[in-house]
């Protein structure tokens, strides 16, 4: 008894090519979705990092600037509490009664204040060091555009407060006769060298308009602007 041969048909070359083409499109689509999601994730992570640094930087600047002209004995005049001093350690000369001026490099401010009568063991300077009671403090709050760091110097010792600061600007220092005794500041925070995943942003253009600076457009980093204003209450008489 003989068995009849049954013809078995396989995939033709055309069918195989169509299947491969469809598979390629599916792979490309899935890969693109992954890349898009990855880019958004990197952007969100960069912004979260900038937000944390922005809050910290604003808090530090507000606290330091608010100390300007503080007197351990408020009934003593500014001129008697803060006598004239010569320029030193990146700060210009101060006349009697002057407590805030632009630093010598023009990249920040120098401020003078006195620590409280009970400061010993209860108060720290901008570098985290303990201070003595009723001491005179001269600090230099400066910005280095090369290292992108905002630092605080007391004497010859300097400490970095915030890094990855792509830009820093501060308003004109008010004179003693000005009605408004306040200082405005702005920082441009970056997320270092982490890419922002191709997400479009006009932050640099807005920063240049705000600060009067001319930073080159950078499409790789995530930027965020932080602004603040501090009233120098100790100078209001």
N, C-alpha and C. Protein backbone atom coordinates (compact mmCIF):
# COMPACT_ATOMS: atom_id res chain seq x y z
N UNK A 1 0.86 -1.18 0.00
CA UNK A 1 0.00 0.00 0.00
C UNK A 1 0.89 1.23 0.00
N UNK A 2 0.63 2.09 -0.93
CA UNK A 2 1.47 3.29 -1.08
C UNK A 2 0.77 4.52 -0.49
N UNK A 3 1.62 5.37 0.21
CA UNK A 3 1.08 6.63 0.75
C UNK A 3 1.29 7.75 -0.27
N UNK A 4 0.27 8.57 -0.39
CA UNK A 4 0.40 9.69 -1.33
C UNK A 4 1.19 10.82 -0.69
N UNK A 5 2.07 11.38 -1.44
CA UNK A 5 2.88 12.50 -0.94
C UNK A 5 2.03 13.76 -0.83
N UNK A 6 2.15 14.45 0.31
CA UNK A 6 1.39 15.69 0.53
C UNK A 6 2.35 16.87 0.42
N UNK A 7 2.05 17.76 -0.44
CA UNK A 7 2.91 18.93 -0.64
C UNK A 7 2.80 19.87 0.55
N UNK A 8 3.95 20.31 1.09
CA UNK A 8 4.00 21.26 2.20
C UNK A 8 4.58 22.58 1.72
N UNK A 9 3.76 23.61 1.82
CA UNK A 9 4.18 24.94 1.33
C UNK A 9 4.80 25.75 2.46
N UNK A 10 5.98 26.39 2.26
CA UNK A 10 6.63 27.25 3.25
C UNK A 10 6.42 28.71 2.92
N UNK A 11 7.11 29.58 3.67
CA UNK A 11 7.03 31.01 3.40
C UNK A 11 7.78 31.35 2.13
N UNK A 12 7.15 32.16 1.35
CA UNK A 12 7.84 32.61 0.14
C UNK A 12 8.83 33.71 0.51
N UNK A 13 9.72 34.02 -0.38
CA UNK A 13 10.71 35.07 -0.14
C UNK A 13 10.04 36.43 0.07
N UNK A 14 8.99 36.68 -0.68
CA UNK A 14 8.29 37.96 -0.56
C UNK A 14 7.63 38.08 0.81
N UNK A 15 6.98 36.99 1.26
CA UNK A 15 6.34 37.01 2.57
C UNK A 15 7.36 37.23 3.68
N UNK A 16 8.51 36.61 3.54
CA UNK A 16 9.55 36.77 4.55
C UNK A 16 10.06 38.21 4.58
N UNK A 17 10.23 38.81 3.42
CA UNK A 17 10.70 40.19 3.37
C UNK A 17 9.68 41.15 3.97
N UNK A 18 8.39 40.88 3.71
CA UNK A 18 7.34 41.72 4.30
C UNK A 18 7.36 41.61 5.82
N UNK A 19 7.51 40.38 6.32
CA UNK A 19 7.54 40.17 7.77
C UNK A 19 8.75 40.87 8.40
N UNK A 20 9.90 40.77 7.73
CA UNK A 20 11.09 41.44 8.25
C UNK A 20 10.93 42.95 8.25
N UNK A 21 10.30 43.48 7.21
CA UNK A 21 10.08 44.92 7.13
C UNK A 21 9.19 45.40 8.26
N UNK A 22 8.09 44.66 8.50
CA UNK A 22 7.18 45.02 9.59
C UNK A 22 7.91 44.95 10.94
N UNK A 23 8.73 43.91 11.11
CA UNK A 23 9.48 43.76 12.36
C UNK A 23 10.44 44.92 12.57
N UNK A 24 11.09 45.34 11.49
CA UNK A 24 12.03 46.47 11.59
C UNK A 24 11.32 47.74 12.02
N UNK A 25 10.13 47.99 11.44
CA UNK A 25 9.37 49.18 11.82
C UNK A 25 8.95 49.11 13.28
N UNK A 26 8.55 47.93 13.73
CA UNK A 26 8.17 47.77 15.13
C UNK A 26 9.36 48.03 16.06
N UNK A 27 10.52 47.49 15.69
CA UNK A 27 11.72 47.69 16.51
C UNK A 27 12.11 49.17 16.55
N UNK A 28 12.03 49.83 15.40
CA UNK A 28 12.36 51.25 15.34
C UNK A 28 11.40 52.06 16.21
N UNK A 29 10.11 51.73 16.14
CA UNK A 29 9.12 52.45 16.94
C UNK A 29 9.34 52.26 18.43
N UNK A 30 9.61 51.02 18.83
CA UNK A 30 9.85 50.74 20.25
C UNK A 30 11.12 51.44 20.73
N UNK A 31 12.16 51.40 19.89
CA UNK A 31 13.41 52.07 20.25
C UNK A 31 13.23 53.57 20.40
N UNK A 32 12.45 54.17 19.48
CA UNK A 32 12.20 55.61 19.55
C UNK A 32 11.42 55.98 20.81
N UNK A 33 10.44 55.16 21.16
CA UNK A 33 9.67 55.39 22.39
C UNK A 33 10.59 55.33 23.61
N UNK A 34 11.50 54.37 23.60
CA UNK A 34 12.44 54.24 24.72
C UNK A 34 13.34 55.46 24.82
N UNK A 35 13.86 55.91 23.66
CA UNK A 35 14.74 57.06 23.67
C UNK A 35 14.01 58.32 24.12
N UNK A 36 12.76 58.48 23.66
CA UNK A 36 11.98 59.65 24.07
C UNK A 36 11.73 59.64 25.57
N UNK A 37 11.33 58.49 26.08
CA UNK A 37 11.08 58.39 27.52
C UNK A 37 12.36 58.59 28.33
N UNK A 38 13.47 58.07 27.80
CA UNK A 38 14.75 58.25 28.47
C UNK A 38 15.14 59.72 28.51
N UNK A 39 14.91 60.44 27.39
CA UNK A 39 15.22 61.86 27.33
C UNK A 39 14.39 62.67 28.32
N UNK A 40 13.10 62.36 28.39
CA UNK A 40 12.23 63.05 29.34
C UNK A 40 12.66 62.77 30.78
N UNK A 41 13.06 61.53 31.03
CA UNK A 41 13.52 61.16 32.38
C UNK A 41 14.77 61.95 32.76
N UNK A 42 15.73 62.04 31.83
CA UNK A 42 16.95 62.80 32.10
C UNK A 42 16.63 64.27 32.37
N UNK A 43 15.70 64.81 31.59
CA UNK A 43 15.31 66.21 31.77
C UNK A 43 14.68 66.41 33.15
N UNK A 44 13.79 65.50 33.54
CA UNK A 44 13.14 65.61 34.84
C UNK A 44 14.14 65.47 35.98
N UNK A 45 15.10 64.55 35.83
CA UNK A 45 16.12 64.39 36.86
C UNK A 45 16.99 65.63 36.98
N UNK A 46 17.33 66.21 35.82
CA UNK A 46 18.13 67.43 35.84
C UNK A 46 17.39 68.58 36.50
N UNK A 47 16.10 68.72 36.20
CA UNK A 47 15.32 69.78 36.80
C UNK A 47 15.14 69.57 38.30
N UNK A 48 14.99 68.32 38.72
CA UNK A 48 14.87 68.03 40.15
C UNK A 48 16.15 68.42 40.89
N UNK A 49 17.29 68.12 40.27
CA UNK A 49 18.57 68.49 40.86
C UNK A 49 18.71 70.01 40.93
N UNK A 50 18.33 70.69 39.85
CA UNK A 50 18.40 72.16 39.84
C UNK A 50 17.48 72.77 40.89
N UNK A 51 16.30 72.18 41.05
CA UNK A 51 15.35 72.70 42.03
C UNK A 51 15.90 72.61 43.44
N UNK A 52 16.52 71.49 43.76
CA UNK A 52 17.12 71.33 45.10
C UNK A 52 18.22 72.36 45.32
N UNK A 53 19.09 72.52 44.32
CA UNK A 53 20.18 73.48 44.46
C UNK A 53 19.65 74.91 44.52
N UNK A 54 18.57 75.16 43.77
CA UNK A 54 17.98 76.50 43.76
C UNK A 54 17.45 76.88 45.14
N UNK A 55 16.76 75.95 45.77
CA UNK A 55 16.23 76.23 47.11
C UNK A 55 17.35 76.45 48.12
N UNK A 56 18.37 75.62 48.05
CA UNK A 56 19.49 75.74 48.98
C UNK A 56 20.22 77.06 48.77
N UNK A 57 20.52 77.38 47.50
CA UNK A 57 21.26 78.61 47.20
C UNK A 57 20.48 79.84 47.64
N UNK A 58 19.18 79.87 47.36
CA UNK A 58 18.36 81.02 47.76
C UNK A 58 18.33 81.17 49.27
N UNK A 59 18.21 80.06 49.98
CA UNK A 59 18.18 80.10 51.44
C UNK A 59 19.48 80.65 52.00
N UNK A 60 20.61 80.15 51.48
CA UNK A 60 21.91 80.61 51.95
C UNK A 60 22.11 82.10 51.67
N UNK A 61 21.79 82.53 50.46
CA UNK A 61 21.98 83.93 50.10
C UNK A 61 21.09 84.84 50.94
N UNK A 62 19.86 84.44 51.14
CA UNK A 62 18.95 85.26 51.94
C UNK A 62 19.45 85.39 53.38
N UNK A 63 19.93 84.29 53.94
CA UNK A 63 20.43 84.34 55.32
C UNK A 63 21.68 85.20 55.45
N UNK A 64 22.60 85.06 54.49
CA UNK A 64 23.84 85.83 54.58
C UNK A 64 23.59 87.32 54.35
N UNK A 65 22.82 87.64 53.33
CA UNK A 65 22.56 89.05 53.03
C UNK A 65 21.76 89.72 54.15
N UNK A 66 20.89 88.96 54.79
CA UNK A 66 20.09 89.53 55.88
C UNK A 66 20.95 89.92 57.08
N UNK A 67 22.15 89.38 57.18
CA UNK A 67 23.04 89.72 58.29
C UNK A 67 23.72 91.07 58.10
N UNK A 68 23.65 91.61 56.90
CA UNK A 68 24.35 92.86 56.60
C UNK A 68 24.02 93.95 57.63
N UNK A 69 25.06 94.50 58.22
CA UNK A 69 24.88 95.61 59.15
C UNK A 69 24.31 95.25 60.50
N UNK A 70 24.25 93.96 60.82
CA UNK A 70 23.72 93.59 62.14
C UNK A 70 24.68 94.07 63.23
N UNK A 71 24.12 94.65 64.29
CA UNK A 71 24.93 95.17 65.39
C UNK A 71 24.56 94.44 66.68
N UNK A 72 25.58 94.02 67.40
CA UNK A 72 25.33 93.37 68.69
C UNK A 72 24.65 94.33 69.66
N UNK A 73 24.96 95.63 69.51
CA UNK A 73 24.33 96.67 70.33
C UNK A 73 23.62 97.64 69.38
N UNK A 74 22.36 97.39 69.09
CA UNK A 74 21.65 98.16 68.06
C UNK A 74 21.51 99.64 68.37
N UNK A 75 21.69 100.04 69.61
CA UNK A 75 21.59 101.46 69.94
C UNK A 75 22.85 102.24 69.55
N UNK A 76 23.91 101.52 69.22
CA UNK A 76 25.14 102.17 68.75
C UNK A 76 25.01 102.44 67.26
N UNK A 77 25.44 103.59 66.81
CA UNK A 77 25.30 103.96 65.40
C UNK A 77 26.12 103.04 64.50
N UNK A 78 25.74 103.01 63.23
CA UNK A 78 26.48 102.21 62.26
C UNK A 78 27.93 102.68 62.15
N UNK A 79 28.12 104.00 62.17
CA UNK A 79 29.47 104.54 62.02
C UNK A 79 30.38 104.12 63.17
N UNK A 80 29.83 104.05 64.36
CA UNK A 80 30.63 103.64 65.51
C UNK A 80 30.79 102.12 65.58
N UNK A 81 29.77 101.41 65.13
CA UNK A 81 29.85 99.94 65.17
C UNK A 81 30.78 99.41 64.09
N UNK A 82 30.81 100.11 62.95
CA UNK A 82 31.63 99.65 61.83
C UNK A 82 32.57 100.77 61.39
N UNK A 83 33.73 100.88 62.02
CA UNK A 83 34.69 101.93 61.64
C UNK A 83 35.28 101.66 60.25
N UNK A 84 35.94 102.64 59.71
CA UNK A 84 36.55 102.50 58.38
C UNK A 84 37.64 101.43 58.41
N UNK A 85 37.71 100.66 57.32
CA UNK A 85 38.75 99.63 57.19
C UNK A 85 39.31 99.68 55.77
N UNK A 86 40.53 99.22 55.61
CA UNK A 86 41.15 99.17 54.29
C UNK A 86 40.73 97.93 53.53
N UNK A 87 41.03 97.93 52.25
CA UNK A 87 40.70 96.78 51.43
C UNK A 87 41.58 95.57 51.74
N UNK A 88 40.99 94.38 51.71
CA UNK A 88 41.75 93.16 51.98
C UNK A 88 40.94 91.95 51.57
N UNK A 89 41.66 90.87 51.23
CA UNK A 89 41.04 89.57 50.95
C UNK A 89 39.90 89.65 49.93
N UNK A 90 40.14 90.41 48.87
CA UNK A 90 39.14 90.51 47.80
C UNK A 90 38.03 91.49 48.05
N UNK A 91 38.10 92.23 49.15
CA UNK A 91 37.07 93.22 49.47
C UNK A 91 37.68 94.62 49.39
N UNK A 92 36.92 95.61 48.95
CA UNK A 92 37.44 96.97 48.87
C UNK A 92 37.46 97.64 50.24
N UNK A 93 37.95 98.85 50.29
CA UNK A 93 37.95 99.62 51.54
C UNK A 93 36.52 100.04 51.88
N UNK A 94 36.23 100.07 53.16
CA UNK A 94 34.92 100.49 53.65
C UNK A 94 35.07 101.76 54.46
N UNK A 95 34.21 102.74 54.19
CA UNK A 95 34.17 103.93 55.03
C UNK A 95 33.41 103.60 56.30
N UNK A 96 33.52 104.46 57.30
CA UNK A 96 32.81 104.23 58.56
C UNK A 96 31.30 104.16 58.29
N UNK A 97 30.67 103.13 58.81
CA UNK A 97 29.23 102.96 58.63
C UNK A 97 28.84 102.15 57.41
N UNK A 98 29.78 101.93 56.49
CA UNK A 98 29.47 101.12 55.31
C UNK A 98 29.53 99.63 55.67
N UNK A 99 28.53 98.88 55.19
CA UNK A 99 28.48 97.46 55.54
C UNK A 99 28.29 96.54 54.35
N UNK A 100 28.07 97.07 53.16
CA UNK A 100 27.92 96.22 51.99
C UNK A 100 28.43 96.96 50.76
N UNK A 101 29.29 96.29 50.00
CA UNK A 101 29.85 96.84 48.77
C UNK A 101 30.13 95.69 47.81
N UNK A 102 30.21 96.04 46.53
CA UNK A 102 30.62 95.03 45.55
C UNK A 102 32.05 94.61 45.84
N UNK A 103 32.36 93.34 45.66
CA UNK A 103 33.73 92.89 45.94
C UNK A 103 34.68 93.40 44.87
N UNK A 104 35.97 93.25 45.12
CA UNK A 104 36.98 93.83 44.24
C UNK A 104 36.92 93.24 42.83
N UNK A 105 36.54 91.98 42.71
CA UNK A 105 36.47 91.33 41.40
C UNK A 105 35.20 91.68 40.65
N UNK A 106 34.25 92.31 41.32
CA UNK A 106 32.98 92.64 40.67
C UNK A 106 32.10 91.43 40.43
N UNK A 107 32.38 90.34 41.12
CA UNK A 107 31.63 89.10 40.90
C UNK A 107 30.72 88.75 42.07
N UNK A 108 30.56 89.67 43.00
CA UNK A 108 29.74 89.39 44.18
C UNK A 108 29.74 90.57 45.12
N UNK A 109 29.53 90.31 46.40
CA UNK A 109 29.47 91.39 47.38
C UNK A 109 30.27 91.03 48.62
N UNK A 110 30.72 92.07 49.30
CA UNK A 110 31.34 91.92 50.61
C UNK A 110 30.41 92.57 51.63
N UNK A 111 30.17 91.89 52.72
CA UNK A 111 29.28 92.43 53.74
C UNK A 111 29.96 92.39 55.11
N UNK A 112 29.57 93.34 55.95
CA UNK A 112 30.08 93.42 57.32
C UNK A 112 28.91 93.28 58.28
N UNK A 113 29.15 92.55 59.34
CA UNK A 113 28.15 92.43 60.39
C UNK A 113 28.84 92.01 61.68
N UNK A 114 28.12 92.12 62.76
CA UNK A 114 28.63 91.67 64.06
C UNK A 114 27.84 90.44 64.51
N UNK A 115 28.51 89.54 65.15
CA UNK A 115 27.82 88.38 65.71
C UNK A 115 27.06 88.80 66.97
N UNK A 116 26.10 87.99 67.37
CA UNK A 116 25.30 88.31 68.54
C UNK A 116 26.09 88.22 69.84
N UNK A 117 25.51 88.80 70.88
CA UNK A 117 26.18 88.78 72.19
C UNK A 117 26.28 87.37 72.75
N UNK A 118 25.40 86.49 72.31
CA UNK A 118 25.43 85.10 72.77
C UNK A 118 25.79 84.15 71.64
N UNK A 119 26.58 84.64 70.68
CA UNK A 119 26.88 83.85 69.48
C UNK A 119 27.77 82.65 69.77
N UNK A 120 28.62 82.75 70.77
CA UNK A 120 29.57 81.67 71.06
C UNK A 120 28.82 80.36 71.34
N UNK A 121 29.09 79.37 70.50
CA UNK A 121 28.44 78.08 70.65
C UNK A 121 27.05 78.01 70.07
N UNK A 122 26.51 79.14 69.60
CA UNK A 122 25.15 79.16 69.07
C UNK A 122 25.06 79.63 67.63
N UNK A 123 26.14 80.18 67.11
CA UNK A 123 26.10 80.78 65.78
C UNK A 123 27.28 80.30 64.96
N UNK A 124 27.04 80.08 63.66
CA UNK A 124 28.08 79.64 62.74
C UNK A 124 28.27 80.67 61.64
N UNK A 125 29.47 80.73 61.10
CA UNK A 125 29.70 81.60 59.95
C UNK A 125 29.32 80.87 58.67
N UNK A 126 29.56 81.51 57.53
CA UNK A 126 29.13 80.93 56.25
C UNK A 126 29.91 79.68 55.87
N UNK A 127 30.99 79.41 56.58
CA UNK A 127 31.79 78.21 56.31
C UNK A 127 31.50 77.09 57.30
N UNK A 128 30.55 77.34 58.19
CA UNK A 128 30.21 76.32 59.17
C UNK A 128 31.06 76.35 60.42
N UNK A 129 31.92 77.36 60.55
CA UNK A 129 32.78 77.46 61.72
C UNK A 129 32.12 78.25 62.84
N UNK A 130 32.48 77.94 64.06
CA UNK A 130 31.95 78.66 65.21
C UNK A 130 32.55 80.06 65.29
N UNK A 131 31.77 80.98 65.80
CA UNK A 131 32.22 82.37 65.93
C UNK A 131 32.16 82.77 67.39
N UNK A 132 32.92 83.81 67.72
CA UNK A 132 32.89 84.34 69.08
C UNK A 132 31.81 85.40 69.21
N UNK A 133 31.46 85.74 70.41
CA UNK A 133 30.40 86.71 70.66
C UNK A 133 30.85 88.13 70.31
N UNK A 134 29.91 88.90 69.76
CA UNK A 134 30.13 90.32 69.44
C UNK A 134 31.38 90.54 68.61
N UNK A 135 31.63 89.65 67.66
CA UNK A 135 32.81 89.76 66.80
C UNK A 135 32.45 90.46 65.49
N UNK A 136 33.41 91.17 64.92
CA UNK A 136 33.22 91.80 63.62
C UNK A 136 33.55 90.80 62.52
N UNK A 137 32.65 90.67 61.55
CA UNK A 137 32.84 89.71 60.47
C UNK A 137 32.81 90.45 59.14
N UNK A 138 33.77 90.16 58.29
CA UNK A 138 33.80 90.65 56.91
C UNK A 138 33.85 89.43 56.01
N UNK A 139 32.80 89.23 55.22
CA UNK A 139 32.79 88.07 54.33
C UNK A 139 32.65 88.50 52.89
N UNK A 140 33.25 87.71 52.04
CA UNK A 140 33.24 87.96 50.60
C UNK A 140 32.42 86.87 49.93
N UNK A 141 31.26 87.25 49.43
CA UNK A 141 30.38 86.31 48.74
C UNK A 141 30.63 86.48 47.24
N UNK A 142 31.37 85.55 46.65
CA UNK A 142 31.81 85.72 45.27
C UNK A 142 31.45 84.56 44.37
N UNK A 143 31.48 84.84 43.07
CA UNK A 143 31.16 83.84 42.06
C UNK A 143 32.32 83.69 41.10
N UNK A 144 32.69 82.44 40.82
CA UNK A 144 33.76 82.13 39.88
C UNK A 144 33.14 81.48 38.65
N UNK A 145 33.15 82.20 37.54
CA UNK A 145 32.50 81.68 36.32
C UNK A 145 33.27 80.52 35.72
N UNK A 146 34.57 80.44 35.96
CA UNK A 146 35.36 79.34 35.40
C UNK A 146 35.02 78.00 36.07
N UNK A 147 34.94 78.01 37.38
CA UNK A 147 34.61 76.78 38.10
C UNK A 147 33.11 76.63 38.32
N UNK A 148 32.34 77.69 37.97
CA UNK A 148 30.89 77.69 38.16
C UNK A 148 30.52 77.40 39.61
N UNK A 149 31.17 78.15 40.51
CA UNK A 149 30.94 77.95 41.94
C UNK A 149 30.66 79.28 42.63
N UNK A 150 29.73 79.23 43.56
CA UNK A 150 29.44 80.36 44.43
C UNK A 150 30.08 80.05 45.78
N UNK A 151 30.94 80.94 46.24
CA UNK A 151 31.71 80.65 47.45
C UNK A 151 31.64 81.80 48.44
N UNK A 152 32.03 81.50 49.66
CA UNK A 152 32.07 82.49 50.73
C UNK A 152 33.46 82.48 51.34
N UNK A 153 34.10 83.63 51.40
CA UNK A 153 35.44 83.73 51.96
C UNK A 153 35.43 84.65 53.17
N UNK A 154 36.10 84.20 54.22
CA UNK A 154 36.33 85.02 55.41
C UNK A 154 37.83 85.03 55.62
N UNK A 155 38.44 86.19 55.45
CA UNK A 155 39.89 86.26 55.48
C UNK A 155 40.45 85.52 54.28
N UNK A 156 41.42 84.69 54.50
CA UNK A 156 42.04 83.94 53.40
C UNK A 156 41.42 82.57 53.20
N UNK A 157 40.41 82.23 53.99
CA UNK A 157 39.77 80.92 53.90
C UNK A 157 38.48 81.03 53.10
N UNK A 158 38.32 80.14 52.13
CA UNK A 158 37.14 80.15 51.28
C UNK A 158 36.48 78.79 51.27
N UNK A 159 35.17 78.78 51.16
CA UNK A 159 34.40 77.53 51.11
C UNK A 159 33.35 77.64 50.02
N UNK A 160 33.18 76.57 49.27
CA UNK A 160 32.17 76.54 48.20
C UNK A 160 30.79 76.35 48.81
N UNK A 161 29.86 77.23 48.44
CA UNK A 161 28.49 77.12 48.91
C UNK A 161 27.63 76.31 47.95
N UNK A 162 27.74 76.62 46.66
CA UNK A 162 26.93 75.95 45.64
C UNK A 162 27.78 75.77 44.39
N UNK A 163 27.71 74.60 43.78
CA UNK A 163 28.41 74.39 42.52
C UNK A 163 27.40 74.26 41.38
N UNK A 164 27.92 74.10 40.17
CA UNK A 164 27.08 74.05 38.96
C UNK A 164 26.22 75.31 38.83
N UNK A 165 26.82 76.46 39.13
CA UNK A 165 26.15 77.75 38.96
C UNK A 165 26.65 78.36 37.65
N UNK A 166 25.83 78.31 36.63
CA UNK A 166 26.24 78.77 35.31
C UNK A 166 26.24 80.29 35.20
N UNK A 167 25.54 80.97 36.10
CA UNK A 167 25.50 82.42 36.07
C UNK A 167 25.03 82.99 37.40
N UNK A 168 25.53 84.18 37.72
CA UNK A 168 25.15 84.83 38.97
C UNK A 168 25.09 86.33 38.73
N UNK A 169 24.04 86.96 39.22
CA UNK A 169 23.88 88.41 39.05
C UNK A 169 23.29 88.99 40.33
N UNK A 170 23.71 90.19 40.65
CA UNK A 170 23.20 90.87 41.84
C UNK A 170 22.94 92.32 41.49
N UNK A 171 21.91 92.89 42.07
CA UNK A 171 21.52 94.25 41.73
C UNK A 171 22.51 95.27 42.30
N UNK A 172 22.32 96.51 41.90
CA UNK A 172 23.17 97.58 42.42
C UNK A 172 23.00 97.70 43.93
N UNK A 173 24.10 97.98 44.61
CA UNK A 173 24.07 98.12 46.06
C UNK A 173 23.42 99.45 46.43
N UNK A 174 22.41 99.44 47.30
CA UNK A 174 21.76 100.71 47.66
C UNK A 174 22.67 101.61 48.49
N UNK A 175 22.56 102.90 48.29
CA UNK A 175 23.31 103.85 49.10
C UNK A 175 22.62 104.09 50.43
N UNK A 176 23.34 104.69 51.35
CA UNK A 176 22.78 104.91 52.70
C UNK A 176 21.58 105.84 52.69
N UNK A 177 21.48 106.70 51.66
CA UNK A 177 20.37 107.65 51.59
C UNK A 177 19.18 107.11 50.79
N UNK A 178 19.32 105.96 50.18
CA UNK A 178 18.24 105.40 49.37
C UNK A 178 17.08 104.94 50.25
N UNK A 179 15.85 105.16 49.75
CA UNK A 179 14.68 104.74 50.50
C UNK A 179 14.58 103.22 50.55
N UNK A 180 14.91 102.58 49.46
CA UNK A 180 14.82 101.12 49.40
C UNK A 180 16.17 100.50 49.76
N UNK A 181 16.21 99.84 50.88
CA UNK A 181 17.44 99.16 51.31
C UNK A 181 17.25 97.65 51.06
N UNK A 182 17.36 97.30 49.81
CA UNK A 182 17.17 95.89 49.45
C UNK A 182 18.13 95.51 48.34
N UNK A 183 18.39 94.23 48.24
CA UNK A 183 19.29 93.69 47.22
C UNK A 183 18.58 92.53 46.52
N UNK A 184 18.63 92.52 45.22
CA UNK A 184 18.06 91.42 44.43
C UNK A 184 19.20 90.58 43.87
N UNK A 185 18.95 89.29 43.76
CA UNK A 185 19.95 88.40 43.19
C UNK A 185 19.27 87.39 42.28
N UNK A 186 20.06 86.83 41.39
CA UNK A 186 19.55 85.79 40.48
C UNK A 186 20.68 84.81 40.20
N UNK A 187 20.32 83.54 40.12
CA UNK A 187 21.28 82.49 39.81
C UNK A 187 20.75 81.67 38.65
N UNK A 188 21.69 81.19 37.84
CA UNK A 188 21.37 80.26 36.76
C UNK A 188 21.99 78.92 37.13
N UNK A 189 21.16 77.98 37.52
CA UNK A 189 21.64 76.66 37.93
C UNK A 189 21.66 75.71 36.74
N UNK A 190 22.68 74.88 36.67
CA UNK A 190 22.76 73.85 35.63
C UNK A 190 22.91 72.49 36.28
N UNK A 191 22.65 71.46 35.50
CA UNK A 191 22.75 70.09 36.03
C UNK A 191 24.08 69.45 35.66
N UNK A 192 25.13 70.26 35.58
CA UNK A 192 26.43 69.71 35.22
C UNK A 192 26.48 69.37 33.75
N UNK A 193 27.00 68.20 33.43
CA UNK A 193 27.16 67.79 32.04
C UNK A 193 26.14 66.73 31.62
N UNK A 194 25.10 66.53 32.43
CA UNK A 194 24.08 65.55 32.05
C UNK A 194 23.21 66.12 30.94
N UNK A 195 22.94 65.38 29.87
CA UNK A 195 22.14 65.89 28.77
C UNK A 195 20.69 66.08 29.16
N UNK A 196 20.01 66.98 28.49
CA UNK A 196 18.60 67.19 28.80
C UNK A 196 17.69 66.45 27.83
N UNK A 197 18.26 65.55 27.03
CA UNK A 197 17.44 64.67 26.21
C UNK A 197 16.76 65.34 25.04
N UNK A 198 17.31 66.45 24.55
CA UNK A 198 16.73 67.09 23.38
C UNK A 198 15.49 67.91 23.65
N UNK A 199 15.12 68.11 24.92
CA UNK A 199 13.95 68.91 25.26
C UNK A 199 14.26 70.38 25.02
N UNK A 200 13.43 71.06 24.25
CA UNK A 200 13.66 72.46 23.91
C UNK A 200 13.51 73.34 25.15
N UNK A 201 14.33 74.39 25.23
CA UNK A 201 14.28 75.30 26.38
C UNK A 201 14.79 76.67 25.97
N UNK A 202 14.14 77.72 26.51
CA UNK A 202 14.56 79.09 26.23
C UNK A 202 15.10 79.76 27.49
N UNK A 203 15.54 78.95 28.46
CA UNK A 203 15.99 79.51 29.74
C UNK A 203 17.20 80.42 29.55
N UNK A 204 18.15 80.02 28.70
CA UNK A 204 19.34 80.85 28.51
C UNK A 204 18.99 82.21 27.91
N UNK A 205 18.05 82.23 26.97
CA UNK A 205 17.64 83.50 26.39
C UNK A 205 17.00 84.39 27.45
N UNK A 206 16.18 83.80 28.31
CA UNK A 206 15.56 84.58 29.38
C UNK A 206 16.59 85.05 30.40
N UNK A 207 17.60 84.21 30.66
CA UNK A 207 18.66 84.61 31.60
C UNK A 207 19.46 85.78 31.05
N UNK A 208 19.81 85.73 29.78
CA UNK A 208 20.57 86.82 29.18
C UNK A 208 19.78 88.13 29.24
N UNK A 209 18.47 88.03 29.04
CA UNK A 209 17.63 89.22 29.11
C UNK A 209 17.53 89.74 30.54
N UNK A 210 17.47 88.84 31.50
CA UNK A 210 17.33 89.23 32.91
C UNK A 210 18.62 89.81 33.47
N UNK A 211 19.74 89.16 33.19
CA UNK A 211 21.01 89.51 33.82
C UNK A 211 21.85 90.50 33.03
N UNK A 212 21.53 90.67 31.75
CA UNK A 212 22.36 91.51 30.90
C UNK A 212 23.62 90.82 30.44
N UNK A 213 23.76 89.54 30.75
CA UNK A 213 24.92 88.77 30.31
C UNK A 213 24.66 88.20 28.92
N UNK A 214 25.66 87.56 28.37
CA UNK A 214 25.54 87.02 27.01
C UNK A 214 26.12 85.61 26.99
N UNK A 215 25.44 84.69 27.64
CA UNK A 215 25.89 83.30 27.65
C UNK A 215 25.50 82.62 26.35
N UNK A 216 26.42 81.82 25.84
CA UNK A 216 26.16 81.11 24.59
C UNK A 216 25.08 80.06 24.79
N UNK A 217 24.27 79.85 23.76
CA UNK A 217 23.22 78.84 23.83
C UNK A 217 23.82 77.46 23.99
N UNK A 218 23.28 76.71 24.92
CA UNK A 218 23.75 75.35 25.22
C UNK A 218 22.55 74.42 25.16
N UNK A 219 22.58 73.47 24.23
CA UNK A 219 21.45 72.57 24.04
C UNK A 219 21.61 71.26 24.78
N UNK A 220 22.68 71.12 25.57
CA UNK A 220 22.95 69.84 26.21
C UNK A 220 22.57 69.81 27.69
N UNK A 221 22.57 70.95 28.36
CA UNK A 221 22.32 70.97 29.79
C UNK A 221 20.92 71.46 30.12
N UNK A 222 20.48 71.13 31.32
CA UNK A 222 19.21 71.61 31.83
C UNK A 222 19.48 72.79 32.76
N UNK A 223 18.83 73.92 32.49
CA UNK A 223 19.05 75.13 33.27
C UNK A 223 17.78 75.53 34.02
N UNK A 224 17.99 76.26 35.09
CA UNK A 224 16.87 76.81 35.85
C UNK A 224 17.30 78.11 36.50
N UNK A 225 16.41 79.10 36.45
CA UNK A 225 16.69 80.41 37.02
C UNK A 225 16.07 80.50 38.42
N UNK A 226 16.86 81.02 39.35
CA UNK A 226 16.37 81.25 40.71
C UNK A 226 16.59 82.72 41.05
N UNK A 227 15.56 83.37 41.58
CA UNK A 227 15.65 84.79 41.92
C UNK A 227 15.20 85.02 43.35
N UNK A 228 15.68 86.10 43.93
CA UNK A 228 15.27 86.44 45.28
C UNK A 228 15.57 87.90 45.58
N UNK A 229 14.96 88.39 46.63
CA UNK A 229 15.17 89.77 47.06
C UNK A 229 15.26 89.79 48.58
N UNK A 230 16.22 90.52 49.10
CA UNK A 230 16.44 90.58 50.54
C UNK A 230 16.41 92.04 51.00
N UNK A 231 15.57 92.33 51.96
CA UNK A 231 15.54 93.66 52.56
C UNK A 231 16.60 93.74 53.65
N UNK A 232 17.45 94.74 53.56
CA UNK A 232 18.53 94.92 54.53
C UNK A 232 17.98 95.69 55.73
N UNK A 233 17.26 94.98 56.56
CA UNK A 233 16.54 95.63 57.67
C UNK A 233 17.48 96.30 58.67
N UNK A 234 18.67 95.77 58.81
CA UNK A 234 19.61 96.35 59.78
C UNK A 234 20.11 97.72 59.36
N UNK A 235 19.91 98.07 58.08
CA UNK A 235 20.36 99.37 57.58
C UNK A 235 19.23 100.39 57.56
N UNK A 236 18.02 99.95 57.87
CA UNK A 236 16.87 100.86 57.84
C UNK A 236 16.76 101.56 59.19
N UNK A 237 16.92 102.87 59.17
CA UNK A 237 16.91 103.64 60.42
C UNK A 237 15.75 104.62 60.43
